[in-house]
């Protein structure tokens, strides 16, 4: 099964900001960060219900080499993965499922 992925404006901003931060610290590290996100998103698109539900309809997928989680919701009737946040795991966990 493969589906479409859409990003909230918050998730898109989190990717841009994190990419810039990693690039400022080490040339090429931002690209590795984005590649890590792409890899997990491919897994999510292939099996959107394969990651655990953590709160309501939201699921969480953890990146392997970066301290981030992809918080997403799978909308079955639209065959769409809606990415709510690219969440840094050092942030307060109460905000990880909130829409902005």
Protein backbone atom coordinates (compact mmCIF):
# COMPACT_ATOMS: atom_id res chain seq x y z
CA UNK A 1 0.00 0.00 0.00
CA UNK A 2 1.31 3.42 -0.88
CA UNK A 3 -0.31 6.70 -0.06
CA UNK A 4 0.05 10.46 -0.35
CA UNK A 5 1.82 12.53 2.33
CA UNK A 6 0.94 16.09 3.32
CA UNK A 7 2.63 18.30 5.90
CA UNK A 8 1.19 20.79 8.34
CA UNK A 9 2.73 24.25 8.15
CA UNK A 10 4.29 23.55 11.57
CA UNK A 11 5.96 20.35 10.31
CA UNK A 12 7.31 22.10 7.21
CA UNK A 13 8.76 24.88 9.38
CA UNK A 14 10.27 22.35 11.79
CA UNK A 15 12.04 20.62 8.90
CA UNK A 16 13.38 23.92 7.52
CA UNK A 17 14.54 25.16 10.93
CA UNK A 18 16.18 21.86 11.87
CA UNK A 19 17.87 21.56 8.49
CA UNK A 20 19.32 25.08 8.89
CA UNK A 21 20.49 24.33 12.44
CA UNK A 22 22.28 21.13 11.39
CA UNK A 23 23.85 22.80 8.35
CA UNK A 24 25.14 25.65 10.55
CA UNK A 25 26.86 23.11 12.79
CA UNK A 26 28.30 20.83 10.12
CA UNK A 27 28.21 21.12 6.35
CA UNK A 28 26.13 18.26 4.91
CA UNK A 29 24.52 17.29 8.22
CA UNK A 30 21.26 19.02 7.24
CA UNK A 31 21.10 16.86 4.13
CA UNK A 32 21.62 13.73 6.25
CA UNK A 33 18.80 14.88 8.52
CA UNK A 34 16.41 15.32 5.58
CA UNK A 35 17.47 11.95 4.14
CA UNK A 36 16.67 10.34 7.48
CA UNK A 37 13.20 11.89 7.41
CA UNK A 38 12.70 10.72 3.81
CA UNK A 39 13.66 7.16 4.73
CA UNK A 40 11.12 6.96 7.57
CA UNK A 41 8.44 8.62 5.43
CA UNK A 42 8.93 5.93 2.79
CA UNK A 43 8.32 3.28 5.45
CA UNK A 44 5.24 5.14 6.69
CA UNK A 45 3.84 5.47 3.15
CA UNK A 46 4.33 1.74 2.53
CA UNK A 47 2.62 0.76 5.79
CA UNK A 48 0.92 3.76 7.42
CA UNK A 49 -0.57 1.73 10.27
CA UNK A 50 2.73 0.00 11.02
CA UNK A 51 3.80 2.49 13.68
CA UNK A 52 2.14 2.66 17.09
CA UNK A 53 -0.82 4.87 17.97
CA UNK A 54 0.28 7.02 20.87
CA UNK A 55 -2.56 9.46 21.36
CA UNK A 56 -5.91 9.30 19.65
CA UNK A 57 -5.35 8.81 15.94
CA UNK A 58 -1.74 10.05 16.00
CA UNK A 59 1.13 7.70 15.36
CA UNK A 60 4.83 8.20 16.06
CA UNK A 61 7.85 7.09 14.06
CA UNK A 62 11.32 7.71 15.50
CA UNK A 63 14.29 8.67 13.35
CA UNK A 64 17.31 6.43 13.79
CA UNK A 65 20.25 8.85 13.98
CA UNK A 66 18.58 12.10 15.01
CA UNK A 67 16.55 12.89 18.15
CA UNK A 68 13.28 13.42 16.29
CA UNK A 69 9.93 11.75 15.87
CA UNK A 70 7.50 12.09 13.02
CA UNK A 71 4.03 12.62 14.49
CA UNK A 72 1.41 11.74 11.90
CA UNK A 73 -2.16 10.74 11.33
CA UNK A 74 -3.28 8.28 8.68
CA UNK A 75 -6.56 9.21 7.00
CA UNK A 76 -7.72 5.92 5.50
CA UNK A 77 -10.59 7.20 3.37
CA UNK A 78 -8.22 9.65 1.61
CA UNK A 79 -5.22 7.29 1.60
CA UNK A 80 -3.24 10.19 3.08
CA UNK A 81 -0.57 10.52 5.73
CA UNK A 82 -0.86 13.90 7.45
CA UNK A 83 2.41 14.87 9.17
CA UNK A 84 1.57 17.04 12.16
CA UNK A 85 5.08 17.57 13.60
CA UNK A 86 8.71 16.74 13.13
CA UNK A 87 9.21 16.67 16.87
CA UNK A 88 12.55 17.06 18.67
CA UNK A 89 12.50 14.59 21.54
CA UNK A 90 13.99 17.10 24.02
CA UNK A 91 10.89 19.29 23.74
CA UNK A 92 8.07 18.94 26.24
CA UNK A 93 5.99 15.89 25.25
CA UNK A 94 2.63 17.58 25.95
CA UNK A 95 2.98 19.72 22.83
CA UNK A 96 3.79 16.91 20.43
CA UNK A 97 0.14 16.19 19.49
CA UNK A 98 -1.14 19.76 19.41
CA UNK A 99 -2.12 21.41 16.19
CA UNK A 100 -0.79 24.91 15.67
